[in-house]
């Protein structure tokens, strides 16, 4: 057990590489900051080889928490802007658009054809051929209202 008190700087550098590889395989933005912290501890240990193991672990823990908190704070202040915010929520791009009912809405359920797809719709009972506006999307079902409610 004496080897545990003789931690060398390259142990921390290997730990940093392992954590960064884990981050690349499982992106969650946690292991990156721990890897950077381990790298910094390795550099500190290279510059000052007499740092006790307990102090090294404390520095690593504090740096990991501080860097993660700063990252999260930065993320909240600067959210990622995307030119296609509904890319993975395809149905939401249809909210507000008007379509013609393919199948009548009977008992609150019908169908509408959108491009090359058919979507289920929920709303008040209406005959086929009626124009409806998509008000919201619930999974793969459009919640619609009659377009005549919005005419004028």
Protein backbone atom coordinates (compact mmCIF):
# COMPACT_ATOMS: atom_id res chain seq x y z
CA UNK A 1 0.00 0.00 0.00
CA UNK A 2 3.02 2.26 0.08
CA UNK A 3 2.71 2.80 -3.67
CA UNK A 4 -0.48 4.82 -3.15
CA UNK A 5 1.50 7.55 -1.41
CA UNK A 6 3.91 7.74 -4.33
CA UNK A 7 1.50 8.93 -7.04
CA UNK A 8 3.44 10.33 -9.98
CA UNK A 9 2.28 13.13 -12.26
CA UNK A 10 1.75 10.81 -15.20
CA UNK A 11 -0.90 8.88 -13.25
CA UNK A 12 -3.02 12.02 -13.36
CA UNK A 13 -2.24 12.54 -17.05
CA UNK A 14 -3.36 8.98 -17.84
CA UNK A 15 -6.52 9.55 -15.78
CA UNK A 16 -7.13 12.76 -17.77
CA UNK A 17 -6.80 10.92 -21.09
CA UNK A 18 -9.10 8.12 -19.91
CA UNK A 19 -11.77 10.61 -18.78
CA UNK A 20 -11.59 12.56 -22.03
CA UNK A 21 -11.93 9.32 -24.03
CA UNK A 22 -14.96 8.40 -21.91
CA UNK A 23 -16.40 11.85 -22.69
CA UNK A 24 -15.92 11.23 -26.41
CA UNK A 25 -17.68 7.85 -26.16
CA UNK A 26 -20.48 9.00 -23.83
CA UNK A 27 -20.89 12.76 -24.31
CA UNK A 28 -22.43 14.27 -21.21
CA UNK A 29 -20.03 17.19 -20.51
CA UNK A 30 -19.02 15.78 -17.12
CA UNK A 31 -15.97 13.67 -17.82
CA UNK A 32 -14.42 16.42 -19.95
CA UNK A 33 -14.17 18.74 -16.98
CA UNK A 34 -12.92 15.98 -14.71
CA UNK A 35 -10.30 15.12 -17.35
CA UNK A 36 -9.19 18.74 -17.55
CA UNK A 37 -8.99 18.84 -13.76
CA UNK A 38 -6.90 15.66 -13.68
CA UNK A 39 -4.59 17.17 -16.30
CA UNK A 40 -4.14 20.31 -14.20
CA UNK A 41 -3.39 18.22 -11.10
CA UNK A 42 -0.83 16.26 -13.15
CA UNK A 43 0.84 19.51 -14.23
CA UNK A 44 0.87 20.77 -10.64
CA UNK A 45 2.40 17.51 -9.46
CA UNK A 46 5.04 17.73 -12.20
CA UNK A 47 5.95 21.26 -11.03
CA UNK A 48 5.74 20.40 -7.30
CA UNK A 49 6.34 16.64 -6.83
CA UNK A 50 5.99 16.73 -3.03
CA UNK A 51 2.22 17.42 -2.96
CA UNK A 52 0.58 14.82 -0.67
CA UNK A 53 -2.03 12.50 -2.21
CA UNK A 54 -4.83 13.90 -0.06
CA UNK A 55 -4.10 17.44 -1.32
CA UNK A 56 -4.00 16.15 -4.91
CA UNK A 57 -7.41 14.53 -4.54
CA UNK A 58 -8.86 17.66 -2.91
CA UNK A 59 -7.48 19.85 -5.72
CA UNK A 60 -8.93 17.43 -8.28
CA UNK A 61 -12.35 17.42 -6.61
CA UNK A 62 -12.53 21.18 -6.21
CA UNK A 63 -11.36 21.81 -9.79
CA UNK A 64 -13.86 19.28 -11.14
CA UNK A 65 -16.78 20.90 -9.33
CA UNK A 66 -15.70 24.48 -10.12
CA UNK A 67 -15.11 23.81 -13.83
CA UNK A 68 -18.42 21.94 -14.15
CA UNK A 69 -20.36 24.70 -12.39
CA UNK A 70 -18.71 27.37 -14.55
CA UNK A 71 -19.51 25.36 -17.68
CA UNK A 72 -23.16 24.92 -16.71
CA UNK A 73 -23.43 28.62 -15.88
CA UNK A 74 -21.92 29.49 -19.26
CA UNK A 75 -24.34 27.11 -21.02
CA UNK A 76 -27.35 28.73 -19.35
CA UNK A 77 -26.12 32.23 -20.23
CA UNK A 78 -25.27 31.27 -23.84
CA UNK A 79 -27.71 28.61 -25.08
CA UNK A 80 -26.93 26.88 -28.34
CA UNK A 81 -28.78 28.57 -31.21
CA UNK A 82 -29.87 26.26 -33.99
CA UNK A 83 -31.19 27.24 -37.41
CA UNK A 84 -33.57 24.24 -37.22
CA UNK A 85 -34.83 24.04 -33.62
CA UNK A 86 -37.54 21.49 -34.53
CA UNK A 87 -35.18 19.13 -36.36
CA UNK A 88 -35.85 16.17 -34.06
CA UNK A 89 -39.46 17.19 -33.38
CA UNK A 90 -40.79 16.98 -36.91
CA UNK A 91 -44.44 17.50 -36.02
CA UNK A 92 -43.83 20.86 -34.36
CA UNK A 93 -42.86 22.42 -37.69
CA UNK A 94 -46.49 22.03 -38.76
CA UNK A 95 -48.02 24.03 -35.89
CA UNK A 96 -49.99 26.93 -37.34
CA UNK A 97 -50.20 25.44 -40.84
CA UNK A 98 -53.49 24.68 -42.57
CA UNK A 99 -54.29 21.30 -44.13
CA UNK A 100 -57.31 19.61 -45.70
CA UNK A 101 -58.79 16.63 -43.87
CA UNK A 102 -58.20 13.38 -45.74
CA UNK A 103 -60.54 11.41 -43.49
CA UNK A 104 -63.38 12.92 -41.51
CA UNK A 105 -62.85 13.49 -37.82
CA UNK A 106 -65.24 11.04 -36.17
CA UNK A 107 -65.38 10.70 -32.39
CA UNK A 108 -62.52 13.22 -32.21
CA UNK A 109 -60.09 11.30 -34.46
CA UNK A 110 -59.32 11.68 -38.17
CA UNK A 111 -56.44 11.87 -40.65
CA UNK A 112 -54.72 14.50 -42.72
CA UNK A 113 -52.18 14.04 -45.52
CA UNK A 114 -49.02 16.14 -45.19
CA UNK A 115 -46.57 15.86 -48.08
CA UNK A 116 -45.91 12.10 -48.32
CA UNK A 117 -47.12 11.22 -44.81
CA UNK A 118 -50.47 10.69 -43.17
CA UNK A 119 -50.93 12.12 -39.66
CA UNK A 120 -53.67 11.35 -37.16
CA UNK A 121 -55.56 14.37 -35.96
CA UNK A 122 -57.69 15.07 -32.92
CA UNK A 123 -60.36 17.71 -32.75
CA UNK A 124 -64.05 18.42 -33.08
CA UNK A 125 -65.93 16.15 -35.49
CA UNK A 126 -65.69 17.51 -39.07
CA UNK A 127 -66.29 16.09 -42.56
CA UNK A 128 -63.47 15.12 -44.94
CA UNK A 129 -62.29 17.97 -47.17
CA UNK A 130 -62.57 20.55 -44.38
CA UNK A 131 -59.64 22.91 -43.80
CA UNK A 132 -58.02 22.58 -40.36
CA UNK A 133 -55.26 24.45 -38.59
CA UNK A 134 -52.70 22.52 -36.52
CA UNK A 135 -52.78 24.02 -33.02
CA UNK A 136 -50.31 21.69 -31.28
CA UNK A 137 -48.64 18.32 -31.59
CA UNK A 138 -48.88 15.48 -29.09
CA UNK A 139 -46.30 12.90 -30.18
CA UNK A 140 -47.46 11.95 -33.67
CA UNK A 141 -50.99 13.35 -33.37
CA UNK A 142 -51.99 16.83 -34.50
CA UNK A 143 -54.47 18.71 -32.35
CA UNK A 144 -56.51 20.70 -34.87
CA UNK A 145 -59.30 23.23 -35.04
CA UNK A 146 -61.48 24.23 -37.96
CA UNK A 147 -59.91 26.92 -40.13
CA UNK A 148 -63.32 28.61 -40.40
CA UNK A 149 -62.86 29.66 -36.75
CA UNK A 150 -59.95 31.85 -37.87
CA UNK A 151 -61.35 33.16 -41.17
CA UNK A 152 -61.89 36.91 -41.45
